[in-house]
Every structure is written in C-alpha cells, then in structure tokens.
Amino acid sequence: MDTGDTAWVLASTALVMLMTPALGFFYGGLVQRKNVLATIMHSFFILALISVQWVLWGYSLAFAPGGAFIGGLD
C-alpha cells in the first residue's frame, strides 16, 4: 500500500465529513423553519450510509490489486 494514496484518501474523507454538516445547514436555510432539523438529519444519515458502504465495498475498490485505475472486490 502506498502511503501517499492512503493519505490522499484520508484527507479527502476528512474534507467530505466536514462538508456534510455544512451542506445540511445550507439546505436547512432553504426550507421552512419546521423542516430544518429533518434536512440536517438527512445529511447525517447519508454520511452514515456512505461510511458503511465504504467499509463494505469502497476500501477494496480503492486499495485491492486489480486494474490500472480501480481495484478488485477482493
């Protein structure tokens, strides 16, 4: 495993995890007052769902030996 690739994936993940609550607050400002909490919770639910998908499939696609651009599902 290349340390540069691992660092890039971790840095990208950290930026996305910071962006998700901000996106929830942005969308919360576009809806009525009674729907703000639901909109923010949708963003956090999607963050949790994508985290589970990363554990199940994404890690092996990023780091398993395979083709030139994408790994296998090993």
C-alpha atoms as a PDB file:
ATOM      1  CA  MET A   1       0.000   0.000   0.000  1.00  0.00           C
ATOM      2  CA  ASP A   2       1.308   3.401  -0.959  1.00  0.00           C
ATOM      3  CA  THR A   3       1.362   5.879   1.926  1.00  0.00           C
ATOM      4  CA  GLY A   4       0.649   8.795  -0.409  1.00  0.00           C
ATOM      5  CA  ASP A   5      -2.518   7.160  -1.716  1.00  0.00           C
ATOM      6  CA  THR A   6      -3.662   6.376   1.812  1.00  0.00           C
ATOM      7  CA  ALA A   7      -3.001   9.940   2.962  1.00  0.00           C
ATOM      8  CA  TRP A   8      -4.928  11.336  -0.028  1.00  0.00           C
ATOM      9  CA  VAL A   9      -7.958   9.135   0.678  1.00  0.00           C
ATOM     10  CA  LEU A  10      -7.928  10.057   4.384  1.00  0.00           C
ATOM     11  CA  ALA A  11      -7.621  13.774   3.630  1.00  0.00           C
ATOM     12  CA  SER A  12     -10.444  13.606   1.098  1.00  0.00           C
ATOM     13  CA  THR A  13     -12.605  11.721   3.581  1.00  0.00           C
ATOM     14  CA  ALA A  14     -11.953  14.309   6.280  1.00  0.00           C
ATOM     15  CA  LEU A  15     -12.949  17.145   3.937  1.00  0.00           C
ATOM     16  CA  VAL A  16     -16.164  15.385   2.958  1.00  0.00           C
ATOM     17  CA  MET A  17     -17.007  14.739   6.619  1.00  0.00           C
ATOM     18  CA  LEU A  18     -16.577  18.460   7.306  1.00  0.00           C
ATOM     19  CA  MET A  19     -18.610  19.391   4.254  1.00  0.00           C
ATOM     20  CA  THR A  20     -21.636  17.220   5.085  1.00  0.00           C
ATOM     21  CA  PRO A  21     -22.899  19.132   8.160  1.00  0.00           C
ATOM     22  CA  ALA A  22     -22.268  22.416   6.342  1.00  0.00           C
ATOM     23  CA  LEU A  23     -24.342  21.189   3.423  1.00  0.00           C
ATOM     24  CA  GLY A  24     -27.119  20.225   5.842  1.00  0.00           C
ATOM     25  CA  PHE A  25     -27.131  23.720   7.318  1.00  0.00           C
ATOM     26  CA  PHE A  26     -27.102  25.247   3.834  1.00  0.00           C
ATOM     27  CA  TYR A  27     -30.114  23.201   2.755  1.00  0.00           C
ATOM     28  CA  GLY A  28     -31.716  23.918   6.136  1.00  0.00           C
ATOM     29  CA  GLY A  29     -31.654  27.590   5.236  1.00  0.00           C
ATOM     30  CA  LEU A  30     -33.600  26.902   2.067  1.00  0.00           C
ATOM     31  CA  VAL A  31     -36.578  25.179   3.714  1.00  0.00           C
ATOM     32  CA  GLN A  32     -39.244  26.301   6.138  1.00  0.00           C
ATOM     33  CA  ARG A  33     -38.341  26.594   9.794  1.00  0.00           C
ATOM     34  CA  LYS A  34     -40.173  23.419  10.822  1.00  0.00           C
ATOM     35  CA  ASN A  35     -38.179  21.301   8.311  1.00  0.00           C
ATOM     36  CA  VAL A  36     -34.650  22.411   9.232  1.00  0.00           C
ATOM     37  CA  LEU A  37     -33.904  19.570  11.644  1.00  0.00           C
ATOM     38  CA  ALA A  38     -35.165  16.933   9.214  1.00  0.00           C
ATOM     39  CA  THR A  39     -32.986  18.374   6.454  1.00  0.00           C
ATOM     40  CA  ILE A  40     -29.885  18.335   8.651  1.00  0.00           C
ATOM     41  CA  MET A  41     -30.651  14.787   9.808  1.00  0.00           C
ATOM     42  CA  HIS A  42     -30.929  13.651   6.179  1.00  0.00           C
ATOM     43  CA  SER A  43     -27.366  14.842   5.607  1.00  0.00           C
ATOM     44  CA  PHE A  44     -26.083  12.960   8.652  1.00  0.00           C
ATOM     45  CA  PHE A  45     -27.986   9.823   7.658  1.00  0.00           C
ATOM     46  CA  ILE A  46     -26.396   9.882   4.216  1.00  0.00           C
ATOM     47  CA  LEU A  47     -22.966  10.362   5.833  1.00  0.00           C
ATOM     48  CA  ALA A  48     -23.562   7.241   7.959  1.00  0.00           C
ATOM     49  CA  LEU A  49     -24.838   5.255   4.980  1.00  0.00           C
ATOM     50  CA  ILE A  50     -21.862   6.151   2.804  1.00  0.00           C
ATOM     51  CA  SER A  51     -19.492   5.281   5.671  1.00  0.00           C
ATOM     52  CA  VAL A  52     -20.965   1.778   5.803  1.00  0.00           C
ATOM     53  CA  GLN A  53     -20.693   1.430   2.026  1.00  0.00           C
ATOM     54  CA  TRP A  54     -17.037   2.480   2.204  1.00  0.00           C
ATOM     55  CA  VAL A  55     -16.328  -0.234   4.763  1.00  0.00           C
ATOM     56  CA  LEU A  56     -18.151  -2.905   2.754  1.00  0.00           C
ATOM     57  CA  TRP A  57     -17.003  -2.128  -0.827  1.00  0.00           C
ATOM     58  CA  GLY A  58     -15.090   1.115  -1.197  1.00  0.00           C
ATOM     59  CA  TYR A  59     -11.901   0.162   0.626  1.00  0.00           C
ATOM     60  CA  SER A  60     -11.316  -2.881  -1.546  1.00  0.00           C
ATOM     61  CA  LEU A  61     -12.094  -0.916  -4.720  1.00  0.00           C
ATOM     62  CA  ALA A  62      -9.555   1.719  -3.708  1.00  0.00           C
ATOM     63  CA  PHE A  63      -6.719  -0.458  -2.386  1.00  0.00           C
ATOM     64  CA  ALA A  64      -7.081  -4.071  -3.632  1.00  0.00           C
ATOM     65  CA  PRO A  65      -4.875  -5.162  -6.507  1.00  0.00           C
ATOM     66  CA  GLY A  66      -6.700  -5.012  -9.790  1.00  0.00           C
ATOM     67  CA  GLY A  67      -6.707  -2.875 -12.911  1.00  0.00           C
ATOM     68  CA  ALA A  68      -4.814   0.319 -13.576  1.00  0.00           C
ATOM     69  CA  PHE A  69      -7.453   2.666 -12.155  1.00  0.00           C
ATOM     70  CA  ILE A  70      -9.684   0.584  -9.899  1.00  0.00           C
ATOM     71  CA  GLY A  71      -9.004  -2.344  -7.622  1.00  0.00           C
ATOM     72  CA  GLY A  72     -10.893  -5.567  -7.313  1.00  0.00           C
ATOM     73  CA  LEU A  73     -13.510  -6.598  -4.791  1.00  0.00           C
ATOM     74  CA  ASP A  74     -11.102  -8.967  -3.003  1.00  0.00           C
END
